[in-house]
Protein backbone atom coordinates (compact mmCIF):
# COMPACT_ATOMS: atom_id res chain seq x y z
CA UNK A 1 12.72 -0.28 13.54
CA UNK A 2 11.08 -0.20 16.90
CA UNK A 3 10.33 3.52 16.58
CA UNK A 4 7.60 3.11 14.01
CA UNK A 5 4.08 1.91 14.41
CA UNK A 6 1.87 0.58 11.72
CA UNK A 7 -2.02 0.90 12.30
CA UNK A 8 -5.21 1.19 10.67
CA UNK A 9 -5.61 4.62 8.94
CA UNK A 10 -8.32 6.92 10.13
CA UNK A 11 -10.08 9.72 8.18
CA UNK A 12 -7.91 12.26 9.88
CA UNK A 13 -4.75 10.62 7.99
CA UNK A 14 -6.47 11.16 4.53
CA UNK A 15 -4.41 14.43 3.81
CA UNK A 16 -1.08 12.92 4.58
CA UNK A 17 -1.93 9.67 2.54
CA UNK A 18 -2.83 11.76 -0.55
CA UNK A 19 -0.05 13.93 -0.12
CA UNK A 20 2.34 10.96 -0.27
CA UNK A 21 0.51 9.41 -3.07
CA UNK A 22 0.98 12.60 -5.04
CA UNK A 23 4.64 12.83 -4.02
CA UNK A 24 6.33 11.48 -7.15
CA UNK A 25 6.43 11.96 -10.99
CA UNK A 26 3.46 9.48 -11.57
CA UNK A 27 1.43 10.44 -8.52
CA UNK A 28 1.73 14.18 -9.35
CA UNK A 29 -0.11 13.58 -12.60
CA UNK A 30 -2.98 11.59 -11.18
CA UNK A 31 -3.75 12.68 -7.59
CA UNK A 32 -4.84 15.85 -6.00
CA UNK A 33 -3.39 16.71 -2.58
CA UNK A 34 -5.19 20.11 -2.51
CA UNK A 35 -7.04 20.90 0.60
CA UNK A 36 -9.91 20.52 1.16
CA UNK A 37 -9.61 17.09 -0.27
CA UNK A 38 -11.74 16.00 -3.40
CA UNK A 39 -14.65 14.26 -1.90
CA UNK A 40 -13.96 11.06 -3.83
CA UNK A 41 -11.02 10.44 -1.51
CA UNK A 42 -13.34 10.24 1.46
CA UNK A 43 -15.82 8.28 -0.29
CA UNK A 44 -13.19 5.73 -1.13
CA UNK A 45 -11.95 5.66 2.36
CA UNK A 46 -15.38 4.89 3.61
CA UNK A 47 -15.65 2.09 1.28
CA UNK A 48 -12.37 0.61 2.16
CA UNK A 49 -13.11 1.06 5.96
CA UNK A 50 -16.35 -0.73 5.68
CA UNK A 51 -14.84 -3.77 4.07
CA UNK A 52 -13.51 -6.51 6.23
CA UNK A 53 -11.15 -7.58 3.46
CA UNK A 54 -9.41 -4.26 3.26
CA UNK A 55 -6.85 -2.72 5.42
CA UNK A 56 -5.49 0.86 4.79
CA UNK A 57 -2.39 1.03 6.81
CA UNK A 58 -0.33 4.15 7.90
CA UNK A 59 3.12 4.17 9.33
CA UNK A 60 4.02 6.67 12.13
CA UNK A 61 7.14 7.69 13.64
CA UNK A 62 7.09 10.29 16.37
CA UNK A 63 3.32 11.09 15.64
CA UNK A 64 3.96 11.92 11.88
CA UNK A 65 2.60 9.63 9.13
CA UNK A 66 5.69 8.62 6.98
CA UNK A 67 4.24 5.72 4.94
CA UNK A 68 1.05 4.06 3.82
CA UNK A 69 -0.40 1.10 1.78
CA UNK A 70 -3.53 -0.68 1.15
CA UNK A 71 -3.71 -4.34 2.03
CA UNK A 72 -6.63 -6.43 0.25
CA UNK A 73 -7.39 -10.01 1.06
CA UNK A 74 -8.78 -11.85 -1.91
CA UNK A 75 -10.55 -15.17 -1.86
CA UNK A 76 -10.24 -17.38 -5.11
CA UNK A 77 -10.80 -20.62 -6.37
CA UNK A 78 -7.62 -21.12 -8.24
CA UNK A 79 -4.91 -22.83 -6.31
CA UNK A 80 -7.33 -25.10 -4.51
CA UNK A 81 -9.27 -22.08 -2.99
CA UNK A 82 -6.23 -19.93 -2.14
CA UNK A 83 -6.66 -16.47 -0.37
CA UNK A 84 -4.29 -13.91 -1.69
CA UNK A 85 -2.90 -10.63 -0.09
CA UNK A 86 -2.89 -7.67 -2.58
CA UNK A 87 -0.71 -4.77 -1.65
CA UNK A 88 -1.46 -1.44 -3.30
CA UNK A 89 -0.78 2.38 -3.11
CA UNK A 90 2.70 1.74 -1.28
CA UNK A 91 4.26 5.07 -0.39
CA UNK A 92 6.90 6.20 1.88
CA UNK A 93 7.71 9.80 2.67
CA UNK A 94 10.44 11.23 0.62
CA UNK A 95 12.45 12.15 3.88
CA UNK A 96 12.20 8.36 4.83
CA UNK A 97 13.22 6.52 1.74
CA UNK A 98 16.16 4.26 2.15
CA UNK A 99 15.71 4.22 6.04
CA UNK A 100 14.24 0.61 5.93
CA UNK A 101 10.57 1.67 6.57
CA UNK A 102 9.59 -0.10 3.28
CA UNK A 103 10.99 -3.33 4.35
CA UNK A 104 9.18 -3.13 7.68
CA UNK A 105 6.06 -2.46 5.84
CA UNK A 106 6.21 -5.38 3.60
CA UNK A 107 7.16 -7.68 6.54
CA UNK A 108 4.24 -6.39 8.23
CA UNK A 109 2.05 -7.03 5.50
CA UNK A 110 3.20 -10.64 4.86
CA UNK A 111 2.59 -11.32 8.57
CA UNK A 112 -1.01 -10.06 8.27
CA UNK A 113 -1.61 -12.18 5.21
CA UNK A 114 -0.10 -15.29 7.16
CA UNK A 115 -2.44 -14.65 10.05
CA UNK A 116 -5.51 -14.47 7.37
CA UNK A 117 -4.44 -17.84 5.75
CA UNK A 118 -3.26 -16.42 2.40
CA UNK A 119 -1.17 -18.51 0.25
CA UNK A 120 0.32 -15.67 -1.72
CA UNK A 121 1.33 -12.11 -1.24
CA UNK A 122 1.25 -10.03 -4.50
CA UNK A 123 1.50 -6.57 -5.65
CA UNK A 124 1.82 -4.33 -8.56
CA UNK A 125 4.16 -1.66 -9.38
CA UNK A 126 4.45 0.50 -12.43
CA UNK A 127 7.01 -0.59 -15.20
CA UNK A 128 8.75 2.75 -14.86
CA UNK A 129 9.57 2.37 -11.21
CA UNK A 130 13.00 0.47 -11.49
CA UNK A 131 14.00 1.17 -7.92
CA UNK A 132 10.85 -0.18 -6.49
CA UNK A 133 11.31 -3.27 -8.63
CA UNK A 134 14.55 -3.79 -7.28
CA UNK A 135 13.46 -3.42 -3.69
CA UNK A 136 10.82 -5.81 -4.18
CA UNK A 137 12.99 -8.36 -5.78
CA UNK A 138 15.48 -7.99 -2.72
CA UNK A 139 12.54 -8.97 -0.34
CA UNK A 140 11.81 -12.05 -2.51
CA UNK A 141 9.02 -11.01 -4.72
CA UNK A 142 9.38 -12.33 -8.30
CA UNK A 143 7.75 -10.86 -11.51
CA UNK A 144 6.09 -14.09 -12.67
CA UNK A 145 2.85 -12.40 -14.47
CA UNK A 146 2.35 -9.52 -16.79
CA UNK A 147 -0.34 -7.17 -15.45
CA UNK A 148 -2.62 -5.42 -17.58
CA UNK A 149 -5.16 -2.51 -16.93
CA UNK A 150 -8.08 -0.86 -19.00
CA UNK A 151 -8.74 2.60 -17.95
CA UNK A 152 -12.41 3.36 -17.80
């Protein structure tokens, strides 16, 4: 997959990122890809961009954004002070699904976590995303915990 580039997202990437976040059944109900973008997206981007423990990544092929994810580095006291990498907001453009881009993204994320000294790479995925579960399991991820959320 030498024809893809993974880089830090810039503000100019926000419309493409939000469009990918909205491009599935779950995202369509919770995202707003209309242009101009809701100002909350820009506020969130600015907060992420300022935080040294955050990396909002985009994947490009031939100048087009075809994937995105947010990688967060979390310090912790458990596991003898282990750092964790947390992956969120993973999306691959519909036209690229099944092409191997997702596996490249996950290996890239794992390598960034190794470079930062993380002991664990973790992610959450909605219980309804059976295909995503199979994909992550093929890459070696294991469902070891039950995640819980409280909508505020």
